[in-house]
Amino acid sequence: MYCIGPERCSQADSGTNYRWNKLQIDCRGKTVVELTLMTEFIVVYVTVGSSDEGARFARALVEERLAACVNRLGPAHSIYRWQGQVEQSEEELLIIKTRKGLFHRLKKRVEELHSYSVPEIIALPIVEGSEGYLKWLGEQVLTDR
């Protein structure tokens, strides 16, 4: 039987406090795996229907400080199931870097701007990164409050 229990801790680095989650997986009282994940920042994937839509999204999210940076990759060839049919389309993939605490505000803004009725909005944690880049990222976006 495996048990998972999170433990909060913090690490000060160059005057910046980052939030870390410490996760221990025990097997009958014995630690078998211990992971430390940084949870301050996330990467959000959003697909859009055109290059123009991608440019509009990227500019809006950065100007509104909901994102520090948006990479636009395309064309992305997507194959997916929609309303019972297998569909294929050409899209642009946005890779958005932001603070985890801003996700709900960013998600709401994406939904307001998006042409799709069910947009892809997927967040992934940034588990490690260069100190300088993460410091810069934190300085470019709004705080969680």
Protein backbone atom coordinates (compact mmCIF):
# COMPACT_ATOMS: atom_id res chain seq x y z
CA MET A 1 0.00 0.00 0.00
CA TYR A 2 1.35 3.45 -0.97
CA CYS A 3 0.62 6.67 0.88
CA ILE A 4 1.26 10.18 -0.48
CA GLY A 5 1.58 13.15 1.85
CA PRO A 6 2.56 16.69 0.81
CA GLU A 7 4.73 18.84 3.07
CA ARG A 8 5.17 22.60 2.54
CA CYS A 9 8.59 24.18 2.72
CA SER A 10 10.31 27.19 1.21
CA GLN A 11 13.71 27.98 -0.19
CA ALA A 12 15.19 31.46 -0.28
CA ASP A 13 17.25 32.15 -3.39
CA SER A 14 18.77 35.54 -4.26
CA GLY A 15 16.23 37.35 -2.09
CA THR A 16 13.27 35.63 -3.80
CA ASN A 17 11.10 33.12 -1.96
CA TYR A 18 10.01 30.25 -4.17
CA ARG A 19 7.33 27.79 -3.07
CA TRP A 20 8.24 24.13 -3.16
CA ASN A 21 6.19 21.02 -2.51
CA LYS A 22 7.93 18.07 -0.96
CA LEU A 23 6.29 14.73 -1.67
CA GLN A 24 7.18 11.47 0.01
CA ILE A 25 5.87 8.13 -1.14
CA ASP A 26 6.07 5.55 1.64
CA CYS A 27 5.76 1.79 1.38
CA ARG A 28 4.92 0.37 4.81
CA GLY A 29 6.64 3.25 6.57
CA LYS A 30 9.72 3.25 4.36
CA THR A 31 10.44 6.17 2.02
CA VAL A 32 11.00 4.83 -1.47
CA VAL A 33 10.79 8.05 -3.50
CA GLU A 34 11.13 11.68 -2.49
CA LEU A 35 10.43 14.42 -5.01
CA THR A 36 10.79 18.18 -4.64
CA LEU A 37 8.80 20.23 -7.14
CA MET A 38 8.85 23.98 -7.62
CA THR A 39 5.25 25.18 -7.94
CA GLU A 40 5.59 28.95 -8.27
CA PHE A 41 5.47 29.01 -12.09
CA ILE A 42 3.63 27.10 -14.81
CA VAL A 43 3.60 26.66 -18.57
CA VAL A 44 0.16 26.82 -20.18
CA TYR A 45 -0.59 25.30 -23.59
CA VAL A 46 -3.34 26.89 -25.65
CA THR A 47 -4.14 26.08 -29.27
CA VAL A 48 -5.71 28.72 -31.52
CA GLY A 49 -7.23 28.54 -34.99
CA SER A 50 -4.95 30.99 -36.82
CA SER A 51 -1.71 32.93 -36.72
CA ASP A 52 -3.67 36.20 -36.35
CA GLU A 53 -5.50 34.83 -33.32
CA GLY A 54 -2.17 33.65 -31.84
CA ALA A 55 -0.60 37.10 -32.29
CA ARG A 56 -3.62 38.78 -30.68
CA PHE A 57 -3.56 36.39 -27.71
CA ALA A 58 0.20 36.70 -27.16
CA ARG A 59 0.15 40.49 -27.18
CA ALA A 60 -2.92 40.75 -24.91
CA LEU A 61 -1.61 38.29 -22.30
CA VAL A 62 1.83 39.91 -22.10
CA GLU A 63 0.47 43.48 -22.11
CA GLU A 64 -1.97 42.56 -19.31
CA ARG A 65 0.92 40.92 -17.38
CA LEU A 66 -0.88 37.59 -17.23
CA ALA A 67 2.11 36.08 -19.08
CA ALA A 68 5.81 36.88 -19.04
CA CYS A 69 6.32 35.34 -22.47
CA VAL A 70 4.24 33.57 -25.11
CA ASN A 71 5.91 31.36 -27.72
CA ARG A 72 3.89 30.86 -30.90
CA LEU A 73 4.52 27.57 -32.71
CA GLY A 74 2.86 26.69 -35.94
CA PRO A 75 1.48 25.40 -37.96
CA ALA A 76 0.56 22.53 -35.66
CA HIS A 77 -1.36 19.72 -37.34
CA SER A 78 -4.00 18.49 -34.90
CA ILE A 79 -6.07 15.32 -35.13
CA TYR A 80 -8.84 15.01 -32.55
CA ARG A 81 -12.34 13.71 -31.95
CA TRP A 82 -15.07 16.39 -31.97
CA GLN A 83 -18.82 15.75 -31.80
CA GLY A 84 -18.41 12.08 -32.68
CA GLN A 85 -16.16 12.65 -35.69
CA VAL A 86 -12.40 12.44 -36.15
CA GLU A 87 -11.29 15.88 -37.29
CA GLN A 88 -8.05 17.35 -38.56
CA SER A 89 -7.03 21.01 -38.56
CA GLU A 90 -4.08 23.34 -38.73
CA GLU A 91 -3.65 25.36 -35.55
CA GLU A 92 -1.06 27.43 -33.74
CA LEU A 93 0.22 26.29 -30.34
CA LEU A 94 0.85 28.96 -27.71
CA ILE A 95 3.29 28.17 -24.90
CA ILE A 96 2.55 30.65 -22.11
CA LYS A 97 4.83 31.16 -19.10
CA THR A 98 3.18 32.58 -15.98
CA ARG A 99 2.72 32.31 -12.23
CA LYS A 100 0.57 29.43 -10.94
CA GLY A 101 -1.54 31.86 -8.90
CA LEU A 102 -2.57 33.66 -12.11
CA PHE A 103 -3.92 30.55 -13.85
CA HIS A 104 -7.62 31.23 -13.23
CA ARG A 105 -7.34 34.84 -14.41
CA LEU A 106 -5.39 33.73 -17.49
CA LYS A 107 -7.91 30.95 -18.22
CA LYS A 108 -10.80 33.41 -17.98
CA ARG A 109 -9.05 35.84 -20.35
CA VAL A 110 -8.28 33.07 -22.86
CA GLU A 111 -11.93 31.98 -22.81
CA GLU A 112 -13.02 35.60 -23.43
CA LEU A 113 -10.70 36.01 -26.43
CA HIS A 114 -10.95 32.52 -27.95
CA SER A 115 -12.85 31.63 -31.12
CA TYR A 116 -13.37 28.00 -30.01
CA SER A 117 -16.33 26.99 -27.85
CA VAL A 118 -14.08 24.51 -25.97
CA PRO A 119 -10.51 25.86 -26.07
CA GLU A 120 -7.53 23.77 -25.01
CA ILE A 121 -6.10 25.33 -21.84
CA ILE A 122 -3.64 22.98 -20.12
CA ALA A 123 -1.23 23.97 -17.34
CA LEU A 124 1.99 22.12 -16.52
CA PRO A 125 4.30 22.87 -13.58
CA ILE A 126 7.79 24.20 -14.16
CA VAL A 127 9.78 21.81 -11.99
CA GLU A 128 13.20 23.38 -12.59
CA GLY A 129 14.73 26.28 -14.46
CA SER A 130 17.64 28.67 -14.52
CA GLU A 131 17.65 31.11 -11.59
CA GLY A 132 17.95 34.14 -13.84
CA TYR A 133 15.05 33.15 -16.08
CA LEU A 134 12.73 32.28 -13.19
CA LYS A 135 13.58 35.56 -11.45
CA TRP A 136 12.84 37.45 -14.70
CA LEU A 137 9.59 35.51 -15.16
CA GLY A 138 8.40 36.48 -11.68
CA GLU A 139 9.19 40.13 -12.29
CA GLN A 140 7.18 40.31 -15.55
CA VAL A 141 3.83 39.03 -14.35
CA LEU A 142 1.31 40.21 -11.79
CA THR A 143 1.51 38.87 -8.26
CA ASP A 144 -0.97 36.22 -7.11
CA ARG A 145 -3.05 38.75 -5.21
